[in-house]
Amino acid sequence: MLKAFVKHVSRATGLPPERAEAALGIILNAADRQGAFLAEEVFQAIPGARSLAARMGAKTGAASGIIARLIERTPGGRQVVAEQIMRDLGNAGLGPQDIGNIFPAIGRYMQSALGVAVVGHLGDVFGAATDRDTTLRRVA
């Protein structure tokens, strides 16, 4: 299922599969570090997604300790993660248009394959929302 996710993102964005996989791992890692419900939904439904996120986090030097992750969930920490994700995606070879296309591609896959719709903009899932119902909803 992870391969299908990567393939979908690759096709939807025009990115080569290896670049789409790296970007997906970077985004999932950041979502996980933020405590976003998006990450847990994907990790539960797609075997290998958590490992991909961890590998990309290690590759980009993302924080991994418990204290660092708590700090990253503060307002200032959230801003740092948002800035870091943009740098990491750029370093992975994505341009502004690629970055703009990848979030909707992830959202479409989540809705079609997992039956989960993102409420609002996918980037909002990284925000301060702490209630699953304000960021994700099940679709029929």
N, C-alpha and C. Protein backbone atom coordinates (compact mmCIF):
# COMPACT_ATOMS: atom_id res chain seq x y z
N MET A 1 0.82 -1.19 0.00
CA MET A 1 0.00 0.00 0.00
C MET A 1 0.87 1.27 0.00
N LEU A 2 2.06 1.20 0.64
CA LEU A 2 2.95 2.34 0.63
C LEU A 2 3.41 2.64 -0.79
N LYS A 3 3.69 1.58 -1.55
CA LYS A 3 4.09 1.78 -2.95
C LYS A 3 2.98 2.46 -3.74
N ALA A 4 1.73 2.09 -3.49
CA ALA A 4 0.61 2.73 -4.17
C ALA A 4 0.50 4.20 -3.79
N PHE A 5 0.76 4.51 -2.52
CA PHE A 5 0.72 5.90 -2.04
C PHE A 5 1.80 6.72 -2.75
N VAL A 6 3.00 6.18 -2.79
CA VAL A 6 4.11 6.87 -3.46
C VAL A 6 3.81 7.05 -4.94
N LYS A 7 3.29 6.01 -5.56
CA LYS A 7 2.95 6.07 -6.99
C LYS A 7 1.90 7.14 -7.25
N HIS A 8 0.89 7.20 -6.39
CA HIS A 8 -0.15 8.22 -6.54
C HIS A 8 0.45 9.62 -6.44
N VAL A 9 1.27 9.84 -5.43
CA VAL A 9 1.89 11.16 -5.24
C VAL A 9 2.78 11.49 -6.42
N SER A 10 3.52 10.51 -6.91
CA SER A 10 4.41 10.72 -8.06
C SER A 10 3.61 11.14 -9.29
N ARG A 11 2.57 10.40 -9.58
CA ARG A 11 1.73 10.71 -10.75
C ARG A 11 1.03 12.06 -10.61
N ALA A 12 0.49 12.31 -9.43
CA ALA A 12 -0.28 13.54 -9.21
C ALA A 12 0.58 14.79 -9.26
N THR A 13 1.85 14.65 -8.91
CA THR A 13 2.73 15.82 -8.86
C THR A 13 3.71 15.89 -10.02
N GLY A 14 3.90 14.77 -10.70
CA GLY A 14 4.90 14.73 -11.76
C GLY A 14 6.31 14.52 -11.25
N LEU A 15 6.44 14.23 -9.96
CA LEU A 15 7.76 13.98 -9.37
C LEU A 15 8.20 12.56 -9.68
N PRO A 16 9.49 12.34 -9.86
CA PRO A 16 9.97 10.96 -9.97
C PRO A 16 9.63 10.19 -8.69
N PRO A 17 9.38 8.89 -8.78
CA PRO A 17 8.96 8.13 -7.59
C PRO A 17 9.89 8.27 -6.39
N GLU A 18 11.20 8.26 -6.62
CA GLU A 18 12.12 8.36 -5.48
C GLU A 18 12.01 9.73 -4.80
N ARG A 19 11.77 10.77 -5.56
CA ARG A 19 11.61 12.11 -4.98
C ARG A 19 10.26 12.22 -4.26
N ALA A 20 9.22 11.61 -4.84
CA ALA A 20 7.91 11.61 -4.20
C ALA A 20 7.96 10.85 -2.88
N GLU A 21 8.69 9.74 -2.86
CA GLU A 21 8.82 8.95 -1.63
C GLU A 21 9.56 9.75 -0.55
N ALA A 22 10.63 10.43 -0.93
CA ALA A 22 11.37 11.24 0.03
C ALA A 22 10.49 12.35 0.59
N ALA A 23 9.76 13.02 -0.29
CA ALA A 23 8.88 14.11 0.15
C ALA A 23 7.79 13.59 1.08
N LEU A 24 7.21 12.47 0.73
CA LEU A 24 6.18 11.89 1.57
C LEU A 24 6.74 11.54 2.95
N GLY A 25 7.94 10.98 2.99
CA GLY A 25 8.57 10.66 4.26
C GLY A 25 8.85 11.90 5.09
N ILE A 26 9.29 12.97 4.45
CA ILE A 26 9.55 14.24 5.15
C ILE A 26 8.26 14.78 5.75
N ILE A 27 7.20 14.75 4.97
CA ILE A 27 5.92 15.29 5.44
C ILE A 27 5.36 14.44 6.56
N LEU A 28 5.41 13.13 6.42
CA LEU A 28 4.90 12.26 7.49
C LEU A 28 5.72 12.40 8.76
N ASN A 29 7.03 12.57 8.62
CA ASN A 29 7.88 12.77 9.78
C ASN A 29 7.49 14.05 10.51
N ALA A 30 7.30 15.12 9.75
CA ALA A 30 6.92 16.39 10.38
C ALA A 30 5.55 16.28 11.03
N ALA A 31 4.62 15.62 10.36
CA ALA A 31 3.28 15.45 10.94
C ALA A 31 3.34 14.65 12.23
N ASP A 32 4.16 13.62 12.24
CA ASP A 32 4.33 12.80 13.45
C ASP A 32 4.93 13.63 14.57
N ARG A 33 5.95 14.41 14.26
CA ARG A 33 6.60 15.24 15.29
C ARG A 33 5.64 16.28 15.85
N GLN A 34 4.68 16.70 15.05
CA GLN A 34 3.71 17.69 15.50
C GLN A 34 2.54 17.05 16.25
N GLY A 35 2.48 15.74 16.24
CA GLY A 35 1.36 15.06 16.88
C GLY A 35 0.10 15.15 16.06
N ALA A 36 0.25 15.34 14.74
CA ALA A 36 -0.90 15.49 13.85
C ALA A 36 -1.62 14.16 13.68
N PHE A 37 -2.93 14.22 13.67
CA PHE A 37 -3.73 13.02 13.51
C PHE A 37 -3.50 12.39 12.14
N LEU A 38 -3.13 13.20 11.17
CA LEU A 38 -2.80 12.71 9.82
C LEU A 38 -1.78 11.59 9.89
N ALA A 39 -0.71 11.79 10.63
CA ALA A 39 0.35 10.80 10.71
C ALA A 39 -0.17 9.49 11.27
N GLU A 40 -0.91 9.54 12.35
CA GLU A 40 -1.40 8.32 12.96
C GLU A 40 -2.35 7.57 12.04
N GLU A 41 -3.20 8.30 11.32
CA GLU A 41 -4.11 7.66 10.36
C GLU A 41 -3.32 6.90 9.30
N VAL A 42 -2.30 7.55 8.75
CA VAL A 42 -1.48 6.92 7.72
C VAL A 42 -0.69 5.75 8.30
N PHE A 43 -0.09 5.94 9.46
CA PHE A 43 0.72 4.87 10.06
C PHE A 43 -0.11 3.63 10.36
N GLN A 44 -1.35 3.82 10.80
CA GLN A 44 -2.21 2.68 11.12
C GLN A 44 -2.66 1.95 9.86
N ALA A 45 -2.87 2.68 8.79
CA ALA A 45 -3.44 2.09 7.58
C ALA A 45 -2.41 1.59 6.57
N ILE A 46 -1.21 2.15 6.59
CA ILE A 46 -0.24 1.84 5.55
C ILE A 46 1.04 1.27 6.16
N PRO A 47 1.22 -0.03 6.04
CA PRO A 47 2.46 -0.64 6.56
C PRO A 47 3.69 -0.02 5.88
N GLY A 48 4.69 0.26 6.68
CA GLY A 48 5.93 0.84 6.17
C GLY A 48 5.97 2.35 6.20
N ALA A 49 4.84 3.00 6.39
CA ALA A 49 4.81 4.47 6.40
C ALA A 49 5.57 5.04 7.59
N ARG A 50 5.42 4.43 8.75
CA ARG A 50 6.14 4.92 9.93
C ARG A 50 7.65 4.78 9.74
N SER A 51 8.07 3.67 9.15
CA SER A 51 9.50 3.47 8.88
C SER A 51 10.02 4.49 7.88
N LEU A 52 9.25 4.77 6.85
CA LEU A 52 9.64 5.79 5.87
C LEU A 52 9.81 7.14 6.56
N ALA A 53 8.86 7.50 7.41
CA ALA A 53 8.94 8.78 8.13
C ALA A 53 10.18 8.83 9.01
N ALA A 54 10.46 7.74 9.70
CA ALA A 54 11.64 7.69 10.58
C ALA A 54 12.94 7.78 9.78
N ARG A 55 13.00 7.06 8.66
CA ARG A 55 14.20 7.12 7.81
C ARG A 55 14.46 8.54 7.30
N MET A 56 13.40 9.20 6.84
CA MET A 56 13.58 10.55 6.31
C MET A 56 13.89 11.52 7.43
N GLY A 57 13.33 11.31 8.61
CA GLY A 57 13.66 12.15 9.75
C GLY A 57 15.13 12.03 10.11
N ALA A 58 15.64 10.80 10.10
CA ALA A 58 17.06 10.58 10.39
C ALA A 58 17.93 11.21 9.30
N LYS A 59 17.51 11.07 8.06
CA LYS A 59 18.28 11.61 6.94
C LYS A 59 18.34 13.14 6.98
N THR A 60 17.25 13.78 7.39
CA THR A 60 17.22 15.25 7.42
C THR A 60 17.70 15.83 8.74
N GLY A 61 17.94 14.97 9.73
CA GLY A 61 18.39 15.46 11.03
C GLY A 61 17.26 15.99 11.90
N ALA A 62 16.05 15.50 11.67
CA ALA A 62 14.90 15.95 12.46
C ALA A 62 15.04 15.51 13.91
N ALA A 63 14.49 16.31 14.79
CA ALA A 63 14.51 15.98 16.21
C ALA A 63 13.80 14.66 16.45
N SER A 64 14.32 13.89 17.40
CA SER A 64 13.69 12.60 17.66
C SER A 64 13.49 12.32 19.14
N GLY A 65 14.05 13.12 20.00
CA GLY A 65 13.90 12.90 21.44
C GLY A 65 12.55 13.34 21.96
N ILE A 66 12.18 12.80 23.09
CA ILE A 66 10.88 13.11 23.70
C ILE A 66 10.77 14.60 24.03
N ILE A 67 11.80 15.17 24.63
CA ILE A 67 11.76 16.59 25.00
C ILE A 67 11.67 17.46 23.75
N ALA A 68 12.45 17.14 22.73
CA ALA A 68 12.42 17.91 21.48
C ALA A 68 11.03 17.86 20.86
N ARG A 69 10.42 16.71 20.88
CA ARG A 69 9.08 16.59 20.30
C ARG A 69 8.05 17.37 21.09
N LEU A 70 8.19 17.43 22.40
CA LEU A 70 7.28 18.26 23.20
C LEU A 70 7.46 19.73 22.85
N ILE A 71 8.70 20.14 22.69
CA ILE A 71 8.98 21.54 22.33
C ILE A 71 8.40 21.84 20.95
N GLU A 72 8.50 20.89 20.02
CA GLU A 72 8.00 21.11 18.66
C GLU A 72 6.49 21.24 18.61
N ARG A 73 5.80 20.92 19.68
CA ARG A 73 4.34 21.04 19.71
C ARG A 73 3.89 22.35 20.34
N THR A 74 4.83 23.17 20.74
CA THR A 74 4.50 24.51 21.23
C THR A 74 4.31 25.42 20.02
N PRO A 75 3.69 26.59 20.18
CA PRO A 75 3.53 27.49 19.02
C PRO A 75 4.85 27.81 18.32
N GLY A 76 5.88 28.13 19.08
CA GLY A 76 7.18 28.44 18.47
C GLY A 76 7.79 27.22 17.81
N GLY A 77 7.64 26.08 18.44
CA GLY A 77 8.16 24.84 17.88
C GLY A 77 7.46 24.46 16.59
N ARG A 78 6.15 24.70 16.54
CA ARG A 78 5.39 24.42 15.32
C ARG A 78 5.90 25.26 14.16
N GLN A 79 6.22 26.50 14.44
CA GLN A 79 6.74 27.37 13.39
C GLN A 79 8.09 26.87 12.89
N VAL A 80 8.93 26.43 13.80
CA VAL A 80 10.24 25.91 13.41
C VAL A 80 10.07 24.67 12.53
N VAL A 81 9.15 23.78 12.89
CA VAL A 81 8.92 22.57 12.09
C VAL A 81 8.38 22.96 10.71
N ALA A 82 7.48 23.92 10.65
CA ALA A 82 6.94 24.36 9.36
C ALA A 82 8.05 24.92 8.47
N GLU A 83 8.94 25.69 9.05
CA GLU A 83 10.06 26.23 8.28
C GLU A 83 11.01 25.11 7.86
N GLN A 84 11.26 24.17 8.76
CA GLN A 84 12.17 23.07 8.46
C GLN A 84 11.62 22.18 7.36
N ILE A 85 10.32 21.91 7.37
CA ILE A 85 9.75 21.03 6.35
C ILE A 85 9.92 21.65 4.96
N MET A 86 9.78 22.96 4.86
CA MET A 86 9.97 23.62 3.57
C MET A 86 11.44 23.51 3.12
N ARG A 87 12.36 23.71 4.04
CA ARG A 87 13.78 23.56 3.71
C ARG A 87 14.09 22.12 3.29
N ASP A 88 13.57 21.16 4.07
CA ASP A 88 13.85 19.76 3.78
C ASP A 88 13.26 19.34 2.43
N LEU A 89 12.06 19.80 2.12
CA LEU A 89 11.47 19.49 0.82
C LEU A 89 12.29 20.12 -0.31
N GLY A 90 12.74 21.34 -0.09
CA GLY A 90 13.60 21.99 -1.09
C GLY A 90 14.90 21.24 -1.26
N ASN A 91 15.49 20.83 -0.16
CA ASN A 91 16.75 20.06 -0.23
C ASN A 91 16.55 18.70 -0.89
N ALA A 92 15.32 18.18 -0.86
CA ALA A 92 15.00 16.91 -1.51
C ALA A 92 14.72 17.10 -3.01
N GLY A 93 14.84 18.34 -3.48
CA GLY A 93 14.68 18.61 -4.90
C GLY A 93 13.32 19.10 -5.33
N LEU A 94 12.46 19.46 -4.39
CA LEU A 94 11.15 19.98 -4.74
C LEU A 94 11.19 21.50 -4.85
N GLY A 95 10.58 22.01 -5.88
CA GLY A 95 10.45 23.45 -6.05
C GLY A 95 9.13 23.91 -5.46
N PRO A 96 8.88 25.22 -5.49
CA PRO A 96 7.63 25.74 -4.91
C PRO A 96 6.37 25.11 -5.52
N GLN A 97 6.36 24.90 -6.82
CA GLN A 97 5.18 24.29 -7.44
C GLN A 97 5.01 22.84 -6.99
N ASP A 98 6.11 22.12 -6.88
CA ASP A 98 6.04 20.73 -6.40
C ASP A 98 5.48 20.68 -4.99
N ILE A 99 5.95 21.57 -4.15
CA ILE A 99 5.48 21.62 -2.76
C ILE A 99 4.00 21.96 -2.74
N GLY A 100 3.60 22.89 -3.58
CA GLY A 100 2.18 23.26 -3.66
C GLY A 100 1.30 22.12 -4.15
N ASN A 101 1.86 21.23 -4.96
CA ASN A 101 1.08 20.11 -5.51
C ASN A 101 1.05 18.88 -4.60
N ILE A 102 2.06 18.74 -3.76
CA ILE A 102 2.15 17.49 -2.99
C ILE A 102 1.10 17.40 -1.88
N PHE A 103 0.78 18.49 -1.24
CA PHE A 103 -0.21 18.43 -0.16
C PHE A 103 -1.59 18.03 -0.67
N PRO A 104 -2.09 18.62 -1.76
CA PRO A 104 -3.38 18.14 -2.28
C PRO A 104 -3.32 16.68 -2.75
N ALA A 105 -2.19 16.25 -3.29
CA ALA A 105 -2.06 14.86 -3.73
C ALA A 105 -2.19 13.91 -2.54
N ILE A 106 -1.56 14.26 -1.43
CA ILE A 106 -1.67 13.44 -0.23
C ILE A 106 -3.11 13.42 0.26
N GLY A 107 -3.75 14.57 0.26
CA GLY A 107 -5.14 14.66 0.70
C GLY A 107 -6.07 13.81 -0.17
N ARG A 108 -5.87 13.85 -1.48
CA ARG A 108 -6.71 13.04 -2.37
C ARG A 108 -6.50 11.54 -2.13
N TYR A 109 -5.26 11.14 -1.91
CA TYR A 109 -5.00 9.73 -1.64
C TYR A 109 -5.65 9.31 -0.33
N MET A 110 -5.52 10.11 0.68
CA MET A 110 -6.11 9.77 1.98
C MET A 110 -7.61 9.59 1.85
N GLN A 111 -8.23 10.46 1.06
CA GLN A 111 -9.68 10.37 0.91
C GLN A 111 -10.07 9.13 0.11
N SER A 112 -9.38 8.88 -1.01
CA SER A 112 -9.78 7.75 -1.85
C SER A 112 -9.38 6.39 -1.26
N ALA A 113 -8.20 6.29 -0.70
CA ALA A 113 -7.71 5.00 -0.23
C ALA A 113 -8.01 4.71 1.24
N LEU A 114 -8.04 5.76 2.05
CA LEU A 114 -8.22 5.56 3.49
C LEU A 114 -9.60 5.99 3.99
N GLY A 115 -10.34 6.69 3.13
CA GLY A 115 -11.66 7.16 3.54
C GLY A 115 -11.60 8.27 4.57
N VAL A 116 -10.51 9.03 4.57
CA VAL A 116 -10.33 10.13 5.52
C VAL A 116 -10.15 11.42 4.73
N ALA A 117 -10.98 12.39 5.01
CA ALA A 117 -10.86 13.68 4.35
C ALA A 117 -10.24 14.68 5.31
N VAL A 118 -9.36 15.49 4.78
CA VAL A 118 -8.76 16.56 5.57
C VAL A 118 -9.71 17.74 5.54
N VAL A 119 -10.01 18.27 6.70
CA VAL A 119 -10.89 19.42 6.81
C VAL A 119 -10.04 20.67 6.68
N GLY A 120 -10.35 21.51 5.71
CA GLY A 120 -9.54 22.70 5.47
C GLY A 120 -8.35 22.36 4.60
N HIS A 121 -7.29 23.09 4.73
CA HIS A 121 -6.06 22.88 3.97
C HIS A 121 -5.22 21.82 4.66
N LEU A 122 -4.59 20.93 3.88
CA LEU A 122 -3.80 19.86 4.48
C LEU A 122 -2.74 20.41 5.42
N GLY A 123 -2.18 21.56 5.09
CA GLY A 123 -1.19 22.18 5.96
C GLY A 123 -1.74 22.51 7.33
N ASP A 124 -3.07 22.69 7.44
CA ASP A 124 -3.69 22.97 8.73
C ASP A 124 -3.53 21.81 9.70
N VAL A 125 -3.32 20.61 9.18
CA VAL A 125 -3.21 19.44 10.04
C VAL A 125 -1.97 19.55 10.90
N PHE A 126 -1.01 20.36 10.47
CA PHE A 126 0.20 20.56 11.26
C PHE A 126 0.00 21.65 12.31
N GLY A 127 -1.12 22.33 12.25
CA GLY A 127 -1.36 23.47 13.14
C GLY A 127 -1.71 23.06 14.55
N ALA A 128 -2.27 23.98 15.27
CA ALA A 128 -2.50 23.80 16.69
C ALA A 128 -3.75 23.00 17.02
N ALA A 129 -4.49 22.54 16.00
CA ALA A 129 -5.71 21.80 16.28
C ALA A 129 -5.39 20.54 17.06
N THR A 130 -6.09 20.35 18.17
CA THR A 130 -5.84 19.17 18.99
C THR A 130 -7.03 18.22 18.97
N ASP A 131 -8.07 18.57 18.27
CA ASP A 131 -9.25 17.73 18.19
C ASP A 131 -9.28 17.07 16.81
N ARG A 132 -9.25 15.76 16.79
CA ARG A 132 -9.25 15.01 15.53
C ARG A 132 -10.39 15.47 14.62
N ASP A 133 -11.57 15.74 15.19
CA ASP A 133 -12.73 16.11 14.38
C ASP A 133 -12.58 17.45 13.69
N THR A 134 -11.67 18.29 14.15
CA THR A 134 -11.48 19.59 13.48
C THR A 134 -10.51 19.49 12.32
N THR A 135 -9.77 18.38 12.21
CA THR A 135 -8.80 18.27 11.14
C THR A 135 -9.07 17.11 10.18
N LEU A 136 -9.69 16.03 10.65
CA LEU A 136 -9.95 14.86 9.81
C LEU A 136 -11.39 14.42 10.01
N ARG A 137 -11.96 13.87 8.94
CA ARG A 137 -13.31 13.28 9.07
C ARG A 137 -13.39 12.08 8.16
N ARG A 138 -14.17 11.12 8.56
CA ARG A 138 -14.39 9.92 7.76
C ARG A 138 -15.36 10.26 6.63
N VAL A 139 -15.11 9.69 5.47
CA VAL A 139 -16.01 9.90 4.34
C VAL A 139 -16.57 8.56 3.92
N ALA A 140 -17.73 8.61 3.33
CA ALA A 140 -18.39 7.37 2.90
C ALA A 140 -17.88 6.91 1.56
